[in-house]
Amino acid sequence: MKRDEWEKRQRTGAVQNLAETGAPSVRYFDMKVALLIVFVVAFVVVNAWSAMLFKFAADYSGKKALWYYVLGNLIAALGPLALTLALKRSNPNIIYAVCYGASFAAIQIAASRLFHQPLSTFQWAGIASVGLGICLLQFGQK
């Protein structure tokens, strides 16, 4: 039984006891959503962090560059794990859009702030467009 159907039956009095229905509790849905958010945020943070480390590796030479490169790859290895765990919990179309779109925006903003390279108005509009696209995908799902 879907959550909406269960809630409707509960409001109308058709369901008296949760154990009778076998429906998952509301707490289960809250935990599922919380974990999904954690995995998506982890993917975005890991991707942005590793991208910044790769930029540092490109700016330096010798052992320092190698260490930034190795650290960036070790951190980046957590990205597919977070993405896989997020994909287990929701629609792949939405997860891919949110993860990669938010990662793109986070990398642009982090690089702008960290490397002191201002974004133009058109670049900010592009980041806003990505955010709007993610929102439209999320609200447009059935």
Protein backbone atom coordinates (compact mmCIF):
# COMPACT_ATOMS: atom_id res chain seq x y z
CA MET A 1 0.00 0.00 0.00
CA LYS A 2 1.37 3.39 -0.93
CA ARG A 3 1.92 6.02 1.73
CA ASP A 4 -0.75 8.38 0.33
CA GLU A 5 -3.35 5.63 0.27
CA TRP A 6 -2.45 4.56 3.79
CA GLU A 7 -2.67 8.14 5.13
CA LYS A 8 -6.05 8.64 3.45
CA ARG A 9 -7.41 5.42 4.95
CA GLN A 10 -6.02 6.38 8.34
CA ARG A 11 -7.73 9.81 8.22
CA THR A 12 -11.06 8.30 7.25
CA GLY A 13 -10.86 5.69 10.00
CA ALA A 14 -10.57 2.73 7.63
CA VAL A 15 -7.26 1.80 9.26
CA GLN A 16 -7.17 1.56 13.01
CA ASN A 17 -3.90 -0.21 13.60
CA LEU A 18 -0.59 0.18 11.76
CA ALA A 19 0.27 -3.45 12.36
CA GLU A 20 -2.88 -4.54 10.46
CA THR A 21 -1.81 -2.86 7.23
CA GLY A 22 1.83 -3.79 6.98
CA ALA A 23 2.47 -0.24 5.78
CA PRO A 24 5.78 1.30 6.71
CA SER A 25 5.67 3.95 9.38
CA VAL A 26 6.05 7.64 8.69
CA ARG A 27 9.32 7.49 10.62
CA TYR A 28 10.67 5.03 8.01
CA PHE A 29 9.91 7.50 5.21
CA ASP A 30 11.55 10.33 7.13
CA MET A 31 14.71 8.25 7.62
CA LYS A 32 14.73 7.26 3.95
CA VAL A 33 14.54 10.91 2.87
CA ALA A 34 17.17 11.93 5.43
CA LEU A 35 19.58 9.28 4.16
CA LEU A 36 18.92 10.30 0.57
CA ILE A 37 19.76 13.91 1.40
CA VAL A 38 22.93 12.83 3.24
CA PHE A 39 24.12 10.77 0.25
CA VAL A 40 23.36 13.51 -2.29
CA VAL A 41 25.11 16.17 -0.19
CA ALA A 42 28.06 13.80 0.34
CA PHE A 43 28.35 13.31 -3.43
CA VAL A 44 28.31 17.06 -4.07
CA VAL A 45 30.83 17.85 -1.33
CA VAL A 46 33.19 15.05 -2.36
CA ASN A 47 33.10 16.09 -6.02
CA ALA A 48 33.70 19.77 -5.26
CA TRP A 49 36.44 19.00 -2.74
CA SER A 50 38.31 16.66 -5.08
CA ALA A 51 38.03 19.17 -7.94
CA MET A 52 39.62 21.85 -5.75
CA LEU A 53 42.43 19.46 -4.81
CA PHE A 54 43.05 18.71 -8.50
CA LYS A 55 43.34 22.45 -9.15
CA PHE A 56 45.90 22.70 -6.34
CA ALA A 57 47.79 19.76 -7.87
CA ALA A 58 47.86 21.59 -11.20
CA ASP A 59 49.18 24.78 -9.56
CA TYR A 60 52.07 23.10 -7.75
CA SER A 61 54.89 20.82 -8.82
CA GLY A 62 56.89 18.02 -7.26
CA LYS A 63 55.82 16.12 -4.18
CA LYS A 64 53.25 18.72 -3.13
CA ALA A 65 51.42 18.35 -6.45
CA LEU A 66 51.57 14.57 -6.17
CA TRP A 67 50.08 14.65 -2.68
CA TYR A 68 47.23 16.92 -3.79
CA TYR A 69 46.59 14.58 -6.72
CA VAL A 70 46.60 11.45 -4.56
CA LEU A 71 44.39 13.05 -1.91
CA GLY A 72 41.98 14.30 -4.59
CA ASN A 73 41.67 10.79 -6.02
CA LEU A 74 41.16 9.20 -2.61
CA ILE A 75 38.39 11.66 -1.78
CA ALA A 76 36.88 11.38 -5.27
CA ALA A 77 36.60 7.60 -4.80
CA LEU A 78 33.85 8.24 -2.24
CA GLY A 79 31.68 9.98 -4.86
CA PRO A 80 30.49 6.85 -6.71
CA LEU A 81 29.75 5.18 -3.38
CA ALA A 82 27.51 8.08 -2.29
CA LEU A 83 25.87 8.17 -5.74
CA THR A 84 25.17 4.43 -5.65
CA LEU A 85 23.61 4.66 -2.21
CA ALA A 86 21.46 7.61 -3.34
CA LEU A 87 20.36 5.75 -6.48
CA LYS A 88 19.09 2.88 -4.31
CA ARG A 89 16.67 5.27 -2.61
CA SER A 90 15.08 7.29 -5.40
CA ASN A 91 14.39 7.79 -9.09
CA PRO A 92 17.66 7.72 -11.10
CA ASN A 93 16.60 10.62 -13.34
CA ILE A 94 16.17 12.89 -10.34
CA ILE A 95 19.27 11.65 -8.50
CA TYR A 96 21.55 12.12 -11.50
CA ALA A 97 20.20 15.61 -12.16
CA VAL A 98 20.47 16.72 -8.55
CA CYS A 99 23.91 15.19 -7.94
CA TYR A 100 25.64 16.33 -11.11
CA GLY A 101 23.83 19.67 -11.36
CA ALA A 102 24.52 20.58 -7.75
CA SER A 103 28.13 19.39 -8.13
CA PHE A 104 28.59 21.64 -11.15
CA ALA A 105 27.19 24.64 -9.28
CA ALA A 106 29.19 23.89 -6.12
CA ILE A 107 32.45 23.57 -8.08
CA GLN A 108 31.85 26.87 -9.86
CA ILE A 109 31.09 28.73 -6.64
CA ALA A 110 33.91 27.08 -4.66
CA ALA A 111 36.46 27.76 -7.40
CA SER A 112 35.32 31.37 -7.63
CA ARG A 113 35.72 31.92 -3.90
CA LEU A 114 38.83 29.84 -3.32
CA PHE A 115 40.84 31.05 -6.31
CA HIS A 116 39.52 34.64 -6.25
CA GLN A 117 38.17 34.54 -9.79
CA PRO A 118 34.89 36.45 -9.95
CA LEU A 119 31.95 35.01 -11.85
CA SER A 120 30.30 37.14 -14.52
CA THR A 121 26.60 37.84 -14.58
CA PHE A 122 26.14 35.23 -17.30
CA GLN A 123 28.01 32.64 -15.25
CA TRP A 124 25.79 33.36 -12.23
CA ALA A 125 22.77 33.06 -14.55
CA GLY A 126 24.07 29.67 -15.69
CA ILE A 127 24.41 28.47 -12.10
CA ALA A 128 20.91 29.77 -11.33
CA SER A 129 19.58 28.00 -14.44
CA VAL A 130 21.06 24.72 -13.24
CA GLY A 131 19.38 25.23 -9.87
CA LEU A 132 16.08 26.07 -11.51
CA GLY A 133 16.35 23.00 -13.73
CA ILE A 134 16.94 20.78 -10.71
CA CYS A 135 13.88 22.28 -8.97
CA LEU A 136 11.72 21.80 -12.07
CA LEU A 137 12.78 18.16 -12.32
CA GLN A 138 12.03 17.59 -8.64
CA PHE A 139 8.60 19.24 -8.70
CA GLY A 140 7.70 17.74 -12.07
CA GLN A 141 7.94 14.12 -10.97
CA LYS A 142 4.78 12.11 -10.50
